[in-house]
């Protein structure tokens, strides 16, 4: 799924905004046969046609809704693990693992530990928030990103927020957007 995410993120970053889809709420949609709900933060929409479902895993992309000029352009991704993938979620153990070579490789867009610098790891209400820099980032997106890992409905969920390379997100703005993203996903998936 990593290759699909990078390709779609590049297209989204170049587009700068997303026209609302045909559904009643372009910021919310069921996924995995209704087992989970996608929920974008205020001012962001699910990219039509971006959802990829394989078995019991899924990936989706979001971007700034068309006409939302007061929101920063950003690429948001959601990766949903299989049911039961959050079993034994331990944010402290995960934080330690992510700082090691295997964890940095898992965070890397190219799967290379040497590409990733973990700048900050913060626990946030049963979620792990990671600020990272990925030297292997696609040319369309900035190398810095916020990533969150959290359990929702027995699934390990990974959220990513990054900006387009030409208009990077400030670290504080990216974190605020990520916190809103986490809140929306939690509210949609109690």
N, C-alpha and C. Protein backbone atom coordinates (compact mmCIF):
# COMPACT_ATOMS: atom_id res chain seq x y z
N UNK A 1 0.81 -1.19 0.00
CA UNK A 1 0.00 0.00 0.00
C UNK A 1 0.86 1.26 0.00
N UNK A 2 2.11 1.17 0.42
CA UNK A 2 2.98 2.34 0.51
C UNK A 2 3.12 3.03 -0.84
N UNK A 3 3.30 2.28 -1.93
CA UNK A 3 3.46 2.88 -3.25
C UNK A 3 2.22 3.64 -3.69
N UNK A 4 1.05 3.07 -3.42
CA UNK A 4 -0.21 3.73 -3.76
C UNK A 4 -0.34 5.02 -2.97
N UNK A 5 0.02 5.01 -1.71
CA UNK A 5 -0.09 6.21 -0.87
C UNK A 5 0.81 7.31 -1.38
N UNK A 6 2.03 6.97 -1.74
CA UNK A 6 2.97 7.97 -2.23
C UNK A 6 2.47 8.57 -3.55
N UNK A 7 2.01 7.73 -4.46
CA UNK A 7 1.53 8.23 -5.75
C UNK A 7 0.32 9.14 -5.58
N UNK A 8 -0.63 8.72 -4.76
CA UNK A 8 -1.81 9.55 -4.55
C UNK A 8 -1.48 10.81 -3.78
N UNK A 9 -0.57 10.72 -2.82
CA UNK A 9 -0.17 11.91 -2.07
C UNK A 9 0.47 12.93 -2.99
N UNK A 10 1.27 12.47 -3.93
CA UNK A 10 1.90 13.39 -4.88
C UNK A 10 0.85 14.10 -5.72
N UNK A 11 -0.14 13.35 -6.20
CA UNK A 11 -1.20 13.97 -6.99
C UNK A 11 -1.99 14.97 -6.17
N UNK A 12 -2.28 14.61 -4.93
CA UNK A 12 -3.03 15.50 -4.06
C UNK A 12 -2.25 16.76 -3.75
N UNK A 13 -0.98 16.61 -3.47
CA UNK A 13 -0.16 17.77 -3.14
C UNK A 13 -0.09 18.74 -4.33
N UNK A 14 -0.03 18.20 -5.52
CA UNK A 14 0.01 19.05 -6.70
C UNK A 14 -1.33 19.74 -6.93
N UNK A 15 -2.41 19.07 -6.60
CA UNK A 15 -3.73 19.65 -6.81
C UNK A 15 -4.02 20.77 -5.82
N UNK A 16 -3.57 20.64 -4.57
CA UNK A 16 -3.75 21.69 -3.58
C UNK A 16 -5.09 21.67 -2.89
N UNK A 17 -6.14 21.17 -3.51
CA UNK A 17 -7.44 21.10 -2.86
C UNK A 17 -8.26 19.99 -3.51
N UNK A 18 -9.28 19.56 -2.80
CA UNK A 18 -10.09 18.43 -3.25
C UNK A 18 -11.52 18.89 -3.43
N UNK A 19 -12.06 18.65 -4.60
CA UNK A 19 -13.47 18.94 -4.83
C UNK A 19 -14.29 17.93 -4.04
N UNK A 20 -15.35 18.38 -3.40
CA UNK A 20 -16.18 17.43 -2.65
C UNK A 20 -16.69 16.32 -3.54
N UNK A 21 -16.77 15.11 -2.97
CA UNK A 21 -17.26 13.95 -3.70
C UNK A 21 -18.78 14.00 -3.82
N UNK A 22 -19.32 12.97 -4.37
CA UNK A 22 -20.76 12.92 -4.62
C UNK A 22 -21.56 12.59 -3.36
N UNK A 23 -20.89 12.10 -2.31
CA UNK A 23 -21.59 11.71 -1.10
C UNK A 23 -22.14 12.90 -0.34
N UNK A 24 -23.01 12.62 0.65
CA UNK A 24 -23.62 13.70 1.41
C UNK A 24 -22.62 14.48 2.28
N UNK A 25 -21.58 13.84 2.75
CA UNK A 25 -20.56 14.51 3.57
C UNK A 25 -19.19 14.12 3.04
N UNK A 26 -18.52 15.02 2.33
CA UNK A 26 -17.22 14.69 1.74
C UNK A 26 -16.10 14.48 2.76
N UNK A 27 -16.39 14.73 4.04
CA UNK A 27 -15.40 14.55 5.08
C UNK A 27 -15.59 13.25 5.86
N UNK A 28 -16.65 12.50 5.57
CA UNK A 28 -16.93 11.25 6.28
C UNK A 28 -17.39 10.18 5.30
N UNK A 29 -16.94 8.95 5.52
CA UNK A 29 -17.39 7.85 4.67
C UNK A 29 -17.08 6.52 5.35
N UNK A 30 -17.96 5.55 5.18
CA UNK A 30 -17.67 4.21 5.71
C UNK A 30 -16.59 3.54 4.86
N UNK A 31 -15.84 2.66 5.48
CA UNK A 31 -14.81 1.89 4.79
C UNK A 31 -14.78 0.50 5.40
N UNK A 32 -14.21 -0.44 4.70
CA UNK A 32 -14.15 -1.84 5.14
C UNK A 32 -15.56 -2.37 5.44
N UNK A 33 -16.44 -2.22 4.45
CA UNK A 33 -17.83 -2.70 4.55
C UNK A 33 -18.53 -2.14 5.78
N UNK A 34 -18.21 -0.91 6.14
CA UNK A 34 -18.85 -0.24 7.26
C UNK A 34 -18.24 -0.54 8.62
N UNK A 35 -17.18 -1.34 8.67
CA UNK A 35 -16.54 -1.66 9.95
C UNK A 35 -15.87 -0.45 10.58
N UNK A 36 -15.47 0.50 9.74
CA UNK A 36 -14.81 1.73 10.21
C UNK A 36 -15.38 2.91 9.45
N UNK A 37 -15.19 4.09 10.03
CA UNK A 37 -15.57 5.34 9.36
C UNK A 37 -14.33 6.19 9.16
N UNK A 38 -14.22 6.78 7.98
CA UNK A 38 -13.20 7.78 7.73
C UNK A 38 -13.80 9.11 8.14
N UNK A 39 -12.99 9.96 8.78
CA UNK A 39 -13.47 11.27 9.21
C UNK A 39 -12.32 12.26 9.13
N UNK A 40 -12.47 13.24 8.26
CA UNK A 40 -11.44 14.26 8.07
C UNK A 40 -11.64 15.41 9.05
N UNK A 41 -10.56 16.11 9.36
CA UNK A 41 -10.70 17.31 10.21
C UNK A 41 -11.45 18.42 9.46
N UNK A 42 -11.90 19.43 10.19
CA UNK A 42 -12.61 20.56 9.59
C UNK A 42 -11.84 21.13 8.40
N UNK A 43 -12.55 21.32 7.29
CA UNK A 43 -11.95 21.94 6.11
C UNK A 43 -11.23 20.98 5.17
N UNK A 44 -11.23 19.70 5.50
CA UNK A 44 -10.55 18.70 4.68
C UNK A 44 -11.57 17.66 4.22
N UNK A 45 -11.34 17.11 3.03
CA UNK A 45 -12.26 16.16 2.41
C UNK A 45 -11.51 14.89 2.01
N UNK A 46 -12.25 13.81 1.94
CA UNK A 46 -11.70 12.54 1.44
C UNK A 46 -11.52 12.68 -0.06
N UNK A 47 -10.36 12.29 -0.55
CA UNK A 47 -10.10 12.38 -1.99
C UNK A 47 -10.90 11.30 -2.70
N UNK A 48 -11.81 11.69 -3.61
CA UNK A 48 -12.59 10.68 -4.33
C UNK A 48 -11.67 9.71 -5.08
N UNK A 49 -11.98 8.43 -4.96
CA UNK A 49 -11.20 7.40 -5.64
C UNK A 49 -9.89 7.04 -4.98
N UNK A 50 -9.60 7.61 -3.81
CA UNK A 50 -8.30 7.35 -3.17
C UNK A 50 -8.32 6.16 -2.23
N UNK A 51 -9.48 5.64 -1.92
CA UNK A 51 -9.55 4.55 -0.95
C UNK A 51 -9.08 3.24 -1.57
N UNK A 52 -8.23 2.54 -0.83
CA UNK A 52 -7.73 1.25 -1.26
C UNK A 52 -7.99 0.27 -0.13
N UNK A 53 -8.73 -0.78 -0.44
CA UNK A 53 -9.04 -1.81 0.55
C UNK A 53 -8.49 -3.13 0.06
N UNK A 54 -7.74 -3.79 0.92
CA UNK A 54 -7.19 -5.11 0.62
C UNK A 54 -7.51 -6.02 1.78
N UNK A 55 -8.40 -6.93 1.55
CA UNK A 55 -8.80 -7.81 2.64
C UNK A 55 -9.39 -7.01 3.78
N UNK A 56 -8.74 -7.06 4.93
CA UNK A 56 -9.22 -6.36 6.12
C UNK A 56 -8.38 -5.13 6.45
N UNK A 57 -7.52 -4.68 5.51
CA UNK A 57 -6.72 -3.46 5.68
C UNK A 57 -7.24 -2.40 4.72
N UNK A 58 -6.95 -1.14 5.02
CA UNK A 58 -7.41 -0.07 4.12
C UNK A 58 -6.49 1.14 4.22
N UNK A 59 -6.56 1.95 3.18
CA UNK A 59 -5.80 3.20 3.08
C UNK A 59 -6.70 4.22 2.41
N UNK A 60 -6.63 5.47 2.86
CA UNK A 60 -7.38 6.55 2.22
C UNK A 60 -6.60 7.85 2.34
N UNK A 61 -6.86 8.75 1.40
CA UNK A 61 -6.22 10.07 1.39
C UNK A 61 -7.24 11.17 1.55
N UNK A 62 -6.79 12.25 2.16
CA UNK A 62 -7.63 13.43 2.35
C UNK A 62 -6.80 14.66 2.02
N UNK A 63 -7.48 15.72 1.65
CA UNK A 63 -6.82 16.98 1.38
C UNK A 63 -7.76 18.13 1.66
N UNK A 64 -7.25 19.32 1.55
CA UNK A 64 -8.06 20.51 1.81
C UNK A 64 -9.23 20.54 0.81
N UNK A 65 -10.43 20.79 1.32
CA UNK A 65 -11.61 20.87 0.46
C UNK A 65 -11.50 22.10 -0.43
N UNK A 66 -12.06 22.01 -1.60
CA UNK A 66 -12.10 23.14 -2.53
C UNK A 66 -12.80 24.31 -1.85
N UNK A 67 -12.24 25.48 -2.01
CA UNK A 67 -12.83 26.68 -1.42
C UNK A 67 -12.44 26.93 0.02
N UNK A 68 -11.67 26.06 0.62
CA UNK A 68 -11.24 26.20 2.02
C UNK A 68 -9.89 26.91 2.09
N UNK A 69 -9.83 28.12 1.62
CA UNK A 69 -8.57 28.86 1.57
C UNK A 69 -8.03 29.23 2.94
N UNK A 70 -8.87 29.19 3.97
CA UNK A 70 -8.40 29.53 5.32
C UNK A 70 -7.64 28.37 5.96
N UNK A 71 -7.69 27.19 5.35
CA UNK A 71 -6.98 26.00 5.86
C UNK A 71 -5.69 25.83 5.08
N UNK A 72 -4.62 25.37 5.75
CA UNK A 72 -3.39 25.15 5.01
C UNK A 72 -3.51 23.93 4.09
N UNK A 73 -2.89 23.99 2.89
CA UNK A 73 -2.88 22.78 2.06
C UNK A 73 -2.11 21.69 2.78
N UNK A 74 -2.63 20.49 2.76
CA UNK A 74 -1.99 19.38 3.45
C UNK A 74 -2.41 18.07 2.82
N UNK A 75 -1.57 17.07 2.98
CA UNK A 75 -1.85 15.70 2.57
C UNK A 75 -2.06 14.91 3.85
N UNK A 76 -3.23 14.30 3.99
CA UNK A 76 -3.56 13.50 5.15
C UNK A 76 -3.81 12.07 4.69
N UNK A 77 -3.24 11.12 5.38
CA UNK A 77 -3.48 9.72 5.05
C UNK A 77 -4.00 8.97 6.27
N UNK A 78 -4.79 7.96 6.01
CA UNK A 78 -5.30 7.05 7.03
C UNK A 78 -4.95 5.64 6.58
N UNK A 79 -4.31 4.88 7.44
CA UNK A 79 -4.06 3.47 7.19
C UNK A 79 -4.72 2.69 8.32
N UNK A 80 -5.58 1.75 7.96
CA UNK A 80 -6.30 0.95 8.94
C UNK A 80 -5.78 -0.48 8.89
N UNK A 81 -5.29 -0.95 10.02
CA UNK A 81 -4.83 -2.33 10.10
C UNK A 81 -6.00 -3.28 10.23
N UNK A 82 -5.70 -4.54 10.12
CA UNK A 82 -6.73 -5.58 10.23
C UNK A 82 -7.31 -5.62 11.64
N UNK A 83 -8.52 -6.14 11.74
CA UNK A 83 -9.15 -6.31 13.06
C UNK A 83 -8.22 -7.13 13.95
N UNK A 84 -8.02 -6.66 15.16
CA UNK A 84 -7.13 -7.33 16.11
C UNK A 84 -5.70 -6.82 16.06
N UNK A 85 -5.36 -5.98 15.07
CA UNK A 85 -3.98 -5.49 14.95
C UNK A 85 -3.57 -4.57 16.10
N UNK A 86 -4.53 -4.04 16.85
CA UNK A 86 -4.20 -3.18 17.99
C UNK A 86 -4.06 -3.96 19.29
N UNK A 87 -4.21 -5.28 19.21
CA UNK A 87 -4.08 -6.11 20.41
C UNK A 87 -2.71 -5.91 21.04
N UNK A 88 -2.71 -5.60 22.32
CA UNK A 88 -1.46 -5.41 23.04
C UNK A 88 -0.78 -4.09 22.74
N UNK A 89 -1.51 -3.11 22.18
CA UNK A 89 -0.92 -1.79 21.89
C UNK A 89 -0.29 -1.22 23.14
N UNK A 90 0.99 -0.90 23.05
CA UNK A 90 1.77 -0.33 24.16
C UNK A 90 2.54 0.85 23.60
N UNK A 91 2.08 2.06 23.90
CA UNK A 91 2.68 3.24 23.30
C UNK A 91 4.14 3.42 23.72
N UNK A 92 4.49 3.04 24.96
CA UNK A 92 5.89 3.17 25.40
C UNK A 92 6.81 2.24 24.63
N UNK A 93 6.39 0.99 24.46
CA UNK A 93 7.20 0.03 23.70
C UNK A 93 7.30 0.46 22.24
N UNK A 94 6.20 0.96 21.69
CA UNK A 94 6.20 1.41 20.30
C UNK A 94 7.13 2.61 20.12
N UNK A 95 7.11 3.54 21.06
CA UNK A 95 7.99 4.71 20.99
C UNK A 95 9.46 4.29 20.95
N UNK A 96 9.82 3.34 21.78
CA UNK A 96 11.20 2.84 21.81
C UNK A 96 11.55 2.17 20.48
N UNK A 97 10.65 1.33 19.98
CA UNK A 97 10.88 0.61 18.72
C UNK A 97 11.03 1.59 17.55
N UNK A 98 10.20 2.63 17.50
CA UNK A 98 10.25 3.59 16.39
C UNK A 98 11.56 4.36 16.32
N UNK A 99 12.25 4.51 17.42
CA UNK A 99 13.54 5.20 17.43
C UNK A 99 14.68 4.31 16.94
N UNK A 100 14.44 2.99 16.91
CA UNK A 100 15.44 2.05 16.43
C UNK A 100 15.41 1.92 14.91
N UNK A 101 16.36 1.15 14.38
CA UNK A 101 16.49 1.01 12.92
C UNK A 101 15.24 0.41 12.28
N UNK A 102 14.66 -0.63 12.88
CA UNK A 102 13.46 -1.24 12.29
C UNK A 102 12.28 -0.27 12.31
N UNK A 103 12.13 0.46 13.39
CA UNK A 103 11.04 1.42 13.49
C UNK A 103 11.19 2.57 12.50
N UNK A 104 12.41 3.08 12.36
CA UNK A 104 12.65 4.17 11.40
C UNK A 104 12.42 3.68 9.97
N UNK A 105 12.78 2.43 9.69
CA UNK A 105 12.50 1.86 8.35
C UNK A 105 11.00 1.78 8.12
N UNK A 106 10.23 1.42 9.15
CA UNK A 106 8.77 1.35 9.02
C UNK A 106 8.17 2.73 8.79
N UNK A 107 8.79 3.76 9.34
CA UNK A 107 8.31 5.13 9.15
C UNK A 107 8.69 5.72 7.80
N UNK A 108 9.72 5.16 7.18
CA UNK A 108 10.27 5.68 5.93
C UNK A 108 9.36 5.41 4.73
N UNK A 109 9.25 6.37 3.86
CA UNK A 109 8.46 6.17 2.64
C UNK A 109 9.12 5.17 1.70
N UNK A 110 10.46 5.03 1.81
CA UNK A 110 11.17 4.07 0.96
C UNK A 110 11.61 2.83 1.73
N UNK A 111 11.23 2.74 3.01
CA UNK A 111 11.60 1.59 3.81
C UNK A 111 13.05 1.59 4.25
N UNK A 112 13.70 2.77 4.25
CA UNK A 112 15.12 2.86 4.61
C UNK A 112 15.28 3.65 5.91
N UNK A 113 15.78 2.97 6.93
CA UNK A 113 15.96 3.59 8.25
C UNK A 113 16.84 4.84 8.17
N UNK A 114 17.85 4.81 7.34
CA UNK A 114 18.79 5.94 7.24
C UNK A 114 18.11 7.21 6.74
N UNK A 115 16.97 7.08 6.07
CA UNK A 115 16.24 8.25 5.56
C UNK A 115 15.51 9.02 6.65
N UNK A 116 15.21 8.37 7.77
CA UNK A 116 14.30 8.95 8.77
C UNK A 116 15.02 9.43 10.02
N UNK A 117 14.67 10.64 10.41
CA UNK A 117 15.08 11.19 11.70
C UNK A 117 13.81 11.39 12.51
N UNK A 118 13.75 10.78 13.67
CA UNK A 118 12.61 10.96 14.57
C UNK A 118 12.94 12.17 15.44
N UNK A 119 12.17 13.24 15.26
CA UNK A 119 12.45 14.49 15.97
C UNK A 119 11.75 14.57 17.32
N UNK A 120 10.59 13.95 17.42
CA UNK A 120 9.80 14.05 18.65
C UNK A 120 8.83 12.88 18.71
N UNK A 121 8.64 12.34 19.90
CA UNK A 121 7.64 11.30 20.13
C UNK A 121 6.89 11.70 21.40
N UNK A 122 5.57 11.81 21.31
CA UNK A 122 4.75 12.28 22.41
C UNK A 122 3.55 11.36 22.57
N UNK A 123 3.26 10.97 23.80
CA UNK A 123 2.03 10.24 24.08
C UNK A 123 0.89 11.22 24.20
N UNK A 124 -0.26 10.88 23.61
CA UNK A 124 -1.41 11.79 23.61
C UNK A 124 -2.69 10.97 23.74
N UNK A 125 -3.18 10.77 24.96
CA UNK A 125 -4.45 10.07 25.19
C UNK A 125 -4.56 8.78 24.39
N UNK A 126 -3.78 7.81 24.71
CA UNK A 126 -3.79 6.49 24.04
C UNK A 126 -3.37 6.55 22.58
N UNK A 127 -2.68 7.59 22.20
CA UNK A 127 -2.12 7.68 20.84
C UNK A 127 -0.65 8.04 20.98
N UNK A 128 0.10 7.67 19.98
CA UNK A 128 1.51 8.05 19.94
C UNK A 128 1.66 9.02 18.78
N UNK A 129 2.18 10.20 19.07
CA UNK A 129 2.37 11.25 18.08
C UNK A 129 3.86 11.32 17.76
N UNK A 130 4.20 11.26 16.48
CA UNK A 130 5.61 11.25 16.05
C UNK A 130 5.84 12.39 15.07
N UNK A 131 6.85 13.19 15.34
CA UNK A 131 7.29 14.21 14.38
C UNK A 131 8.55 13.63 13.75
N UNK A 132 8.55 13.51 12.42
CA UNK A 132 9.69 12.89 11.76
C UNK A 132 10.08 13.68 10.53
N UNK A 133 11.27 13.41 10.07
CA UNK A 133 11.78 13.98 8.82
C UNK A 133 12.26 12.80 7.99
N UNK A 134 11.77 12.72 6.74
CA UNK A 134 12.07 11.60 5.86
C UNK A 134 12.79 12.12 4.62
N UNK A 135 14.09 11.85 4.54
CA UNK A 135 14.89 12.31 3.40
C UNK A 135 14.46 11.63 2.10
N UNK A 136 13.73 10.53 2.20
CA UNK A 136 13.27 9.82 1.02
C UNK A 136 11.86 10.22 0.60
N UNK A 137 11.37 11.35 1.12
CA UNK A 137 10.01 11.79 0.79
C UNK A 137 9.87 12.07 -0.70
N UNK A 138 8.70 11.80 -1.21
CA UNK A 138 8.39 12.11 -2.60
C UNK A 138 8.64 13.59 -2.85
N UNK A 139 9.01 13.94 -4.04
CA UNK A 139 9.34 15.34 -4.36
C UNK A 139 8.15 16.28 -4.20
N UNK A 140 6.94 15.77 -4.25
CA UNK A 140 5.76 16.63 -4.16
C UNK A 140 5.42 17.03 -2.72
N UNK A 141 5.87 16.24 -1.75
CA UNK A 141 5.56 16.54 -0.35
C UNK A 141 6.81 16.90 0.42
N UNK A 142 6.62 17.67 1.48
CA UNK A 142 7.76 18.08 2.30
C UNK A 142 8.32 16.87 3.06
N UNK A 143 9.58 16.92 3.46
CA UNK A 143 10.16 15.79 4.18
C UNK A 143 9.66 15.65 5.62
N UNK A 144 9.19 16.74 6.23
CA UNK A 144 8.71 16.69 7.61
C UNK A 144 7.25 16.25 7.64
N UNK A 145 6.89 15.48 8.66
CA UNK A 145 5.52 15.00 8.78
C UNK A 145 5.21 14.72 10.24
N UNK A 146 3.94 14.75 10.54
CA UNK A 146 3.43 14.24 11.81
C UNK A 146 2.76 12.91 11.52
N UNK A 147 3.00 11.94 12.37
CA UNK A 147 2.33 10.65 12.24
C UNK A 147 1.76 10.32 13.61
N UNK A 148 0.59 9.71 13.62
CA UNK A 148 -0.03 9.24 14.86
C UNK A 148 -0.36 7.77 14.71
N UNK A 149 -0.17 7.01 15.77
CA UNK A 149 -0.53 5.60 15.81
C UNK A 149 -1.45 5.44 17.01
N UNK A 150 -2.62 4.85 16.77
CA UNK A 150 -3.59 4.71 17.84
C UNK A 150 -4.49 3.51 17.59
N UNK A 151 -5.06 2.95 18.65
CA UNK A 151 -6.01 1.86 18.49
C UNK A 151 -7.43 2.41 18.34
N UNK A 152 -8.16 1.91 17.35
CA UNK A 152 -9.58 2.25 17.17
C UNK A 152 -10.31 0.97 16.77
N UNK A 153 -11.34 0.64 17.50
CA UNK A 153 -12.15 -0.55 17.19
C UNK A 153 -11.30 -1.79 16.95
N UNK A 154 -10.34 -2.01 17.81
CA UNK A 154 -9.45 -3.18 17.76
C UNK A 154 -8.47 -3.16 16.60
N UNK A 155 -8.37 -2.04 15.88
CA UNK A 155 -7.46 -1.93 14.74
C UNK A 155 -6.36 -0.92 15.06
N UNK A 156 -5.17 -1.20 14.57
CA UNK A 156 -4.09 -0.23 14.67
C UNK A 156 -4.26 0.75 13.52
N UNK A 157 -4.42 2.02 13.85
CA UNK A 157 -4.68 3.06 12.86
C UNK A 157 -3.48 4.00 12.83
N UNK A 158 -3.03 4.31 11.63
CA UNK A 158 -1.93 5.25 11.44
C UNK A 158 -2.45 6.44 10.64
N UNK A 159 -2.24 7.63 11.17
CA UNK A 159 -2.63 8.87 10.51
C UNK A 159 -1.37 9.65 10.19
N UNK A 160 -1.33 10.30 9.05
CA UNK A 160 -0.18 11.11 8.67
C UNK A 160 -0.66 12.46 8.18
N UNK A 161 0.06 13.50 8.58
CA UNK A 161 -0.20 14.86 8.12
C UNK A 161 1.12 15.44 7.64
N UNK A 162 1.13 15.91 6.40
CA UNK A 162 2.31 16.58 5.85
C UNK A 162 1.84 17.65 4.86
N UNK A 163 2.73 18.54 4.52
CA UNK A 163 2.38 19.60 3.59
C UNK A 163 3.01 19.37 2.23
N UNK A 164 2.52 20.09 1.22
CA UNK A 164 3.18 20.06 -0.08
C UNK A 164 4.57 20.68 0.05
N UNK A 165 5.50 20.23 -0.76
CA UNK A 165 6.88 20.74 -0.67
C UNK A 165 6.93 22.25 -0.86
N UNK A 166 6.11 22.80 -1.77
CA UNK A 166 6.19 24.24 -2.05
C UNK A 166 5.56 25.09 -0.94
N UNK A 167 4.69 24.51 -0.11
CA UNK A 167 4.11 25.24 1.02
C UNK A 167 4.10 24.34 2.25
N UNK A 168 5.27 24.12 2.85
CA UNK A 168 5.35 23.21 4.00
C UNK A 168 4.51 23.70 5.18
N UNK A 169 4.04 22.75 5.96
CA UNK A 169 3.30 23.06 7.18
C UNK A 169 4.28 23.37 8.30
N UNK A 170 4.05 24.44 9.03
CA UNK A 170 4.84 24.69 10.23
C UNK A 170 4.57 23.55 11.22
N UNK A 171 5.55 23.22 12.04
CA UNK A 171 5.41 22.10 12.97
C UNK A 171 4.18 22.27 13.86
N UNK A 172 3.96 23.47 14.40
CA UNK A 172 2.82 23.70 15.29
C UNK A 172 1.49 23.56 14.54
N UNK A 173 1.42 24.05 13.31
CA UNK A 173 0.19 23.93 12.52
C UNK A 173 -0.08 22.48 12.17
N UNK A 174 0.97 21.74 11.84
CA UNK A 174 0.81 20.32 11.54
C UNK A 174 0.33 19.53 12.74
N UNK A 175 0.87 19.86 13.91
CA UNK A 175 0.45 19.15 15.12
C UNK A 175 -1.02 19.46 15.44
N UNK A 176 -1.40 20.72 15.32
CA UNK A 176 -2.79 21.11 15.59
C UNK A 176 -3.74 20.37 14.63
N UNK A 177 -3.35 20.30 13.36
CA UNK A 177 -4.16 19.59 12.38
C UNK A 177 -4.24 18.10 12.74
N UNK A 178 -3.12 17.52 13.16
CA UNK A 178 -3.10 16.11 13.55
C UNK A 178 -4.00 15.87 14.75
N UNK A 179 -3.96 16.75 15.74
CA UNK A 179 -4.81 16.57 16.92
C UNK A 179 -6.29 16.62 16.53
N UNK A 180 -6.65 17.50 15.59
CA UNK A 180 -8.03 17.54 15.10
C UNK A 180 -8.39 16.28 14.34
N UNK A 181 -7.44 15.75 13.58
CA UNK A 181 -7.62 14.52 12.82
C UNK A 181 -7.88 13.34 13.77
N UNK A 182 -7.06 13.23 14.80
CA UNK A 182 -7.23 12.17 15.79
C UNK A 182 -8.61 12.27 16.43
N UNK A 183 -9.00 13.48 16.83
CA UNK A 183 -10.30 13.68 17.48
C UNK A 183 -11.44 13.27 16.57
N UNK A 184 -11.39 13.62 15.30
CA UNK A 184 -12.44 13.27 14.35
C UNK A 184 -12.52 11.76 14.15
N UNK A 185 -11.37 11.11 13.99
CA UNK A 185 -11.37 9.67 13.78
C UNK A 185 -11.88 8.94 15.04
N UNK A 186 -11.51 9.42 16.22
CA UNK A 186 -12.01 8.79 17.45
C UNK A 186 -13.52 8.96 17.58
N UNK A 187 -14.01 10.16 17.31
CA UNK A 187 -15.45 10.41 17.43
C UNK A 187 -16.26 9.56 16.44
N UNK A 188 -15.70 9.33 15.27
CA UNK A 188 -16.40 8.54 14.23
C UNK A 188 -16.31 7.04 14.48
N UNK A 189 -15.39 6.62 15.34
CA UNK A 189 -15.14 5.19 15.58
C UNK A 189 -15.07 4.91 17.08
N UNK A 190 -16.18 5.13 17.82
CA UNK A 190 -16.14 4.93 19.28
C UNK A 190 -15.97 3.47 19.67
